[in-house]
Amino acid sequence: MMDISVPGDKSITHRAIILASLTNSLVNIRGFLVSEDTMHTVECMRQLGVHIEVEEASSAAMVHGVGIYGLKAPEKPLYTGN
């Protein structure tokens, strides 16, 4: 398991979710900024087959990375919001 602490920043939160999704391990992200935009990124990665648990109360997310070749084709177009 990998542990990542990020400042509560939207840009870094997006990148942390995407990069954690591409690992072959479980990644715990602390300092996760919960916002409409970051939740769109979480939903996009979920549609690509990544299991992500978000704990809003503790500003954390647990990402079960699937590796670069583990992503699946989405069933519908990905909506990234903003």
N, C-alpha and C. Protein backbone atom coordinates (compact mmCIF):
# COMPACT_ATOMS: atom_id res chain seq x y z
N MET A 1 0.85 -1.17 0.00
CA MET A 1 0.00 0.00 0.00
C MET A 1 0.89 1.23 0.00
N MET A 2 0.48 2.21 -0.76
CA MET A 2 1.20 3.46 -0.87
C MET A 2 0.37 4.54 -0.18
N ASP A 3 1.03 5.44 0.50
CA ASP A 3 0.37 6.53 1.21
C ASP A 3 0.83 7.85 0.61
N ILE A 4 -0.11 8.69 0.17
CA ILE A 4 0.23 9.99 -0.41
C ILE A 4 -0.52 11.07 0.35
N SER A 5 0.19 12.10 0.78
CA SER A 5 -0.43 13.27 1.40
C SER A 5 -0.32 14.42 0.42
N VAL A 6 -1.42 15.04 0.11
CA VAL A 6 -1.41 16.17 -0.82
C VAL A 6 -2.05 17.37 -0.14
N PRO A 7 -1.62 18.58 -0.52
CA PRO A 7 -2.32 19.75 0.01
C PRO A 7 -3.73 19.80 -0.58
N GLY A 8 -4.66 20.37 0.12
CA GLY A 8 -6.04 20.45 -0.37
C GLY A 8 -6.14 21.35 -1.59
N ASP A 9 -5.63 20.88 -2.70
CA ASP A 9 -5.56 21.65 -3.92
C ASP A 9 -6.25 20.86 -5.04
N LYS A 10 -7.10 21.53 -5.79
CA LYS A 10 -7.88 20.84 -6.83
C LYS A 10 -6.99 20.21 -7.90
N SER A 11 -6.03 20.94 -8.41
CA SER A 11 -5.17 20.42 -9.48
C SER A 11 -4.38 19.21 -9.02
N ILE A 12 -3.83 19.28 -7.82
CA ILE A 12 -3.04 18.16 -7.30
C ILE A 12 -3.94 16.97 -7.00
N THR A 13 -5.15 17.21 -6.53
CA THR A 13 -6.09 16.12 -6.25
C THR A 13 -6.43 15.38 -7.54
N HIS A 14 -6.70 16.10 -8.63
CA HIS A 14 -6.96 15.45 -9.92
C HIS A 14 -5.80 14.53 -10.29
N ARG A 15 -4.61 15.08 -10.23
CA ARG A 15 -3.42 14.31 -10.63
C ARG A 15 -3.18 13.11 -9.73
N ALA A 16 -3.39 13.27 -8.43
CA ALA A 16 -3.20 12.17 -7.48
C ALA A 16 -4.16 11.02 -7.80
N ILE A 17 -5.42 11.34 -8.09
CA ILE A 17 -6.42 10.31 -8.42
C ILE A 17 -6.01 9.58 -9.71
N ILE A 18 -5.63 10.33 -10.73
CA ILE A 18 -5.27 9.71 -12.01
C ILE A 18 -4.02 8.86 -11.86
N LEU A 19 -2.98 9.39 -11.24
CA LEU A 19 -1.74 8.63 -11.09
C LEU A 19 -1.93 7.40 -10.20
N ALA A 20 -2.69 7.55 -9.12
CA ALA A 20 -2.95 6.40 -8.24
C ALA A 20 -3.71 5.31 -8.99
N SER A 21 -4.60 5.70 -9.88
CA SER A 21 -5.38 4.74 -10.67
C SER A 21 -4.49 3.92 -11.59
N LEU A 22 -3.37 4.50 -12.01
CA LEU A 22 -2.47 3.82 -12.95
C LEU A 22 -1.42 2.95 -12.27
N THR A 23 -1.42 2.92 -10.93
CA THR A 23 -0.50 2.04 -10.23
C THR A 23 -1.10 0.64 -10.14
N ASN A 24 -0.29 -0.29 -9.72
CA ASN A 24 -0.76 -1.66 -9.49
C ASN A 24 -0.89 -1.91 -8.00
N SER A 25 -1.31 -0.91 -7.26
CA SER A 25 -1.40 -1.07 -5.81
C SER A 25 -2.55 -0.25 -5.23
N LEU A 26 -2.71 -0.41 -3.94
CA LEU A 26 -3.70 0.34 -3.19
C LEU A 26 -3.03 1.64 -2.73
N VAL A 27 -3.67 2.77 -3.01
CA VAL A 27 -3.09 4.07 -2.66
C VAL A 27 -4.07 4.83 -1.78
N ASN A 28 -3.59 5.28 -0.63
CA ASN A 28 -4.38 6.09 0.28
C ASN A 28 -3.97 7.55 0.08
N ILE A 29 -4.91 8.39 -0.29
CA ILE A 29 -4.63 9.81 -0.53
C ILE A 29 -5.23 10.61 0.62
N ARG A 30 -4.36 11.34 1.33
CA ARG A 30 -4.82 12.23 2.40
C ARG A 30 -4.71 13.67 1.91
N GLY A 31 -5.63 14.52 2.34
CA GLY A 31 -5.65 15.90 1.87
C GLY A 31 -6.45 16.05 0.59
N PHE A 32 -7.27 15.03 0.29
CA PHE A 32 -8.11 15.02 -0.91
C PHE A 32 -9.10 16.17 -0.85
N LEU A 33 -9.07 17.03 -1.85
CA LEU A 33 -10.02 18.15 -1.90
C LEU A 33 -11.31 17.68 -2.57
N VAL A 34 -12.37 17.60 -1.78
CA VAL A 34 -13.66 17.18 -2.33
C VAL A 34 -14.34 18.40 -2.95
N SER A 35 -14.55 18.33 -4.25
CA SER A 35 -15.26 19.40 -4.97
C SER A 35 -16.00 18.76 -6.13
N GLU A 36 -16.85 19.53 -6.78
CA GLU A 36 -17.58 19.01 -7.93
C GLU A 36 -16.60 18.52 -9.01
N ASP A 37 -15.57 19.30 -9.27
CA ASP A 37 -14.60 18.95 -10.31
C ASP A 37 -13.82 17.68 -9.97
N THR A 38 -13.34 17.58 -8.73
CA THR A 38 -12.55 16.39 -8.38
C THR A 38 -13.42 15.14 -8.36
N MET A 39 -14.69 15.30 -8.01
CA MET A 39 -15.58 14.15 -8.01
C MET A 39 -15.90 13.71 -9.44
N HIS A 40 -15.86 14.63 -10.40
CA HIS A 40 -15.99 14.24 -11.81
C HIS A 40 -14.81 13.36 -12.22
N THR A 41 -13.62 13.72 -11.77
CA THR A 41 -12.44 12.91 -12.07
C THR A 41 -12.58 11.52 -11.45
N VAL A 42 -13.04 11.47 -10.21
CA VAL A 42 -13.26 10.18 -9.55
C VAL A 42 -14.25 9.35 -10.35
N GLU A 43 -15.34 9.95 -10.77
CA GLU A 43 -16.36 9.22 -11.53
C GLU A 43 -15.82 8.74 -12.87
N CYS A 44 -15.01 9.56 -13.53
CA CYS A 44 -14.40 9.13 -14.80
C CYS A 44 -13.52 7.91 -14.59
N MET A 45 -12.70 7.94 -13.55
CA MET A 45 -11.81 6.81 -13.29
C MET A 45 -12.61 5.56 -12.90
N ARG A 46 -13.71 5.76 -12.19
CA ARG A 46 -14.58 4.62 -11.87
C ARG A 46 -15.15 4.01 -13.14
N GLN A 47 -15.56 4.86 -14.09
CA GLN A 47 -16.10 4.35 -15.36
C GLN A 47 -15.04 3.60 -16.16
N LEU A 48 -13.77 3.87 -15.86
CA LEU A 48 -12.67 3.17 -16.54
C LEU A 48 -12.26 1.90 -15.77
N GLY A 49 -13.01 1.58 -14.73
CA GLY A 49 -12.78 0.33 -14.01
C GLY A 49 -11.98 0.41 -12.72
N VAL A 50 -11.73 1.62 -12.24
CA VAL A 50 -10.95 1.80 -11.01
C VAL A 50 -11.91 1.90 -9.82
N HIS A 51 -11.64 1.13 -8.78
CA HIS A 51 -12.45 1.21 -7.56
C HIS A 51 -11.86 2.31 -6.67
N ILE A 52 -12.68 3.32 -6.36
CA ILE A 52 -12.22 4.45 -5.55
C ILE A 52 -13.25 4.70 -4.44
N GLU A 53 -12.73 4.77 -3.22
CA GLU A 53 -13.57 5.10 -2.06
C GLU A 53 -13.18 6.50 -1.58
N VAL A 54 -14.16 7.38 -1.46
CA VAL A 54 -13.89 8.75 -1.00
C VAL A 54 -14.53 8.92 0.37
N GLU A 55 -13.73 9.39 1.33
CA GLU A 55 -14.21 9.69 2.67
C GLU A 55 -14.19 11.20 2.85
N GLU A 56 -15.31 11.83 2.55
CA GLU A 56 -15.35 13.29 2.58
C GLU A 56 -15.02 13.86 3.96
N ALA A 57 -15.52 13.22 5.01
CA ALA A 57 -15.32 13.74 6.37
C ALA A 57 -13.85 13.81 6.75
N SER A 58 -13.04 12.89 6.24
CA SER A 58 -11.62 12.88 6.61
C SER A 58 -10.72 13.37 5.47
N SER A 59 -11.31 13.90 4.40
CA SER A 59 -10.55 14.39 3.24
C SER A 59 -9.56 13.34 2.75
N ALA A 60 -10.08 12.13 2.55
CA ALA A 60 -9.22 11.03 2.11
C ALA A 60 -9.90 10.25 0.99
N ALA A 61 -9.07 9.56 0.23
CA ALA A 61 -9.58 8.66 -0.81
C ALA A 61 -8.69 7.43 -0.84
N MET A 62 -9.29 6.29 -1.10
CA MET A 62 -8.57 5.03 -1.24
C MET A 62 -8.76 4.59 -2.68
N VAL A 63 -7.66 4.47 -3.41
CA VAL A 63 -7.69 4.13 -4.83
C VAL A 63 -7.08 2.75 -5.02
N HIS A 64 -7.85 1.86 -5.61
CA HIS A 64 -7.37 0.52 -5.92
C HIS A 64 -6.88 0.55 -7.36
N GLY A 65 -5.59 0.87 -7.54
CA GLY A 65 -5.02 1.03 -8.88
C GLY A 65 -5.13 -0.24 -9.71
N VAL A 66 -5.35 -0.05 -11.00
CA VAL A 66 -5.50 -1.19 -11.92
C VAL A 66 -4.34 -1.31 -12.89
N GLY A 67 -3.38 -0.40 -12.81
CA GLY A 67 -2.25 -0.44 -13.72
C GLY A 67 -2.60 0.22 -15.05
N ILE A 68 -1.58 0.53 -15.82
CA ILE A 68 -1.78 1.22 -17.09
C ILE A 68 -2.63 0.39 -18.05
N TYR A 69 -2.43 -0.91 -18.04
CA TYR A 69 -3.16 -1.76 -18.98
C TYR A 69 -4.44 -2.33 -18.39
N GLY A 70 -4.80 -1.94 -17.17
CA GLY A 70 -5.99 -2.45 -16.52
C GLY A 70 -7.23 -1.59 -16.73
N LEU A 71 -7.07 -0.43 -17.34
CA LEU A 71 -8.22 0.44 -17.58
C LEU A 71 -9.14 -0.20 -18.62
N LYS A 72 -10.43 -0.03 -18.42
CA LYS A 72 -11.43 -0.58 -19.35
C LYS A 72 -12.06 0.54 -20.16
N ALA A 73 -12.57 0.20 -21.30
CA ALA A 73 -13.29 1.19 -22.11
C ALA A 73 -14.58 1.58 -21.39
N PRO A 74 -14.90 2.86 -21.35
CA PRO A 74 -16.15 3.28 -20.69
C PRO A 74 -17.36 2.89 -21.53
N GLU A 75 -18.49 2.67 -20.87
CA GLU A 75 -19.72 2.31 -21.57
C GLU A 75 -20.39 3.52 -22.19
N LYS A 76 -20.05 4.70 -21.71
CA LYS A 76 -20.62 5.94 -22.26
C LYS A 76 -19.53 7.00 -22.25
N PRO A 77 -19.72 8.11 -22.95
CA PRO A 77 -18.69 9.16 -22.95
C PRO A 77 -18.42 9.66 -21.54
N LEU A 78 -17.15 9.92 -21.25
CA LEU A 78 -16.76 10.43 -19.93
C LEU A 78 -17.13 11.90 -19.83
N TYR A 79 -17.75 12.26 -18.73
CA TYR A 79 -18.12 13.65 -18.49
C TYR A 79 -17.17 14.21 -17.44
N THR A 80 -16.36 15.16 -17.85
CA THR A 80 -15.37 15.72 -16.93
C THR A 80 -15.82 17.03 -16.28
N GLY A 81 -16.99 17.50 -16.63
CA GLY A 81 -17.48 18.74 -16.03
C GLY A 81 -16.70 19.92 -16.58
N ASN A 82 -16.21 20.71 -15.66
CA ASN A 82 -15.51 21.95 -15.99
C ASN A 82 -14.28 21.63 -16.80
